[in-house]
Amino acid sequence: MVICGAGAAGLTLAIELARRGVAFRLVEQRDQPFHGSRGKGIQPRSQEMFEDMGIVNRLFAAGGTYPVSRVHRADGGSVDTAILEGAAATPAEPYRLPLMVPQFLTEAVMRDRLMELGHRVEFGHALTGFDQDTDGVNVRLATPSGQQAFRTRYLIGADGGRSFVRQALGMGFPGTTLGVRAVVADIVLHGLPRDAWHNFNEEDMAQRISLCPLMGTELFQLQAPVPLEGEVDLSATGLDAMLRERTGRDDLSVQSVSWASAYRMNARLADHYRVGRVFLVGDAAHTHPPTGGQGLNTSAQDAYNLGWKLASVLQGAPDALLDTYEEERRPIAASMLGLATKLLDHARRGDHRRGREVQQLDLEYRDSSLSLPAEPRDGRIMPGDRAPDALLCGAGGQALRLFDVFRGTHWTLLGYAADRSIAPSRGGLQVHVISQAGELRDTDGHFADAYGMEPGEWVLVRPDGYVSAVVGEDRIDALARHFERHAP
């Protein structure tokens, strides 16, 4: 298998395949890692995903929480407001606030994890062409040592918004250019404290500028709208002049620039995510305006969805399982495009507040063919929902989380006060019973509160932490057949 592109999406997919023992190559046309902060927010659902991948604590150590938003007024005063709705963690939702980690630090953590799993990025390797048939893909690469041509089972385009893979497929990428061009730059800044995300000229789009301290670094991220046409001076001198002109303050100065870009905001979605043995993930499949911090998160979660499915098919699951990738993830991207565009409109009016809708905890796959149809269950867990966490005890009294039970590459079957003897038994499926006499015990009722299950019911959880089926004991055979259709 070949993954083209070693950004957040490509690295996530590589880690997921490496965890499952799948052979692959991860190639990147750049000669060295991306060193900018374009995506800096890691949403709660992605934090859960990164916990499963074994890197969430490293990311917390690398970054930090979002500061308040400080709006500087023309009279010299300022007003601080919280950007994010405050929310305490709960047993069902252990992560409730976005984490700020500059993209280059996030990807460095991911590369380290990939190295631990025995793989590395091949930098300076550019995809120059490919063709496919029913059995595989012929791939051509330009490498530092010359041209390479070889055959692989699958090709994944994780190569960004200008994806070579998407263009070579002739894939439509409809959408809109949103009429906004902006500068984003990582700078060393003198004159502002690091306790706030500083905003100037909020009521004047042409003069607006914001400066956000990048947690885990000594840098600030500068963001500013610029005219749709014309050159933009991205040097330290040029950005310093912009900063002084827009803020009217001579005590502020740009000392140096580590990375900068001027870009047009787009909202686009590929017509399809799969053509035969070729797949698109991340920005190759969808591009978002940066508002709401959805882009990197949606991209990484694409790869998290696809990774276990590719591995399952290579291990013997039906090829139709791969069709559920587009079936599930394309509607998610479409909704995220709408959300990010709506938040961009709010930001144009100076409203930067973010609510639960950006946290991605409520994303679901209820209409997926991987979700066994069930009767409506008001206020209770449904097939396709995110599987909540819960605080439990082992039979020996040891405290543990339900996410500890899920962690890994397996499917999980949970019986609530159920008869374990009727559960299916096969490789790749871990079975647990939660009851007062079971191996797992819901001592404080957290599982009951989060799942709303009746005694004797079973819930089947996919490797990516979404519910696939909820049945009573009279339908355990239907659950077993559903699992057999989708597992290796």
Foldseek 3Di string as FASTA:
>chain_A
DEEEAQFLLLLLLLLLQLLLVHDYAYEYQAQDDDDFQLFWKQFQLNLLVVVLSPCNVVQCVQFAAFFWAWEQDPVGDIDTDRQEDDDDADQQRNDHGITTAGRRSVSVSSQVSSVVSPHHYQYNKDWDDWDDDQAWIWTWIQHPVGIDIDTDRFYEFAPAQVTPVCVNVVWDKDWDFPQWKKKKFKFQKPDDDQRHWYWYPLVDLALIKIWHCRGNDNIIIIMHTHHPDDDQDPWQVRVQVSVCVSRVDPRMGTPGTPDMDMGTFIWIAIPFQDDNRYGYAANNGTGADCALSQRSNLRSVLSLQQNLQVSQVVVPADPVSNVLSRVQSRVVSVVVRVVRSVCVVVSSNVRSHDYPVSNCQFRWDQVTPLADDDDDDVLADGAGHFRTKHWKAFPVGHIDIVSVVLRGSAKEKEAELADPVLADDDPRYHYFYEDPNTRIYRVPCRNCNHGVDDHQKMWIAHSSRGTRYIDHVVCNVVVVVSCRNGGD
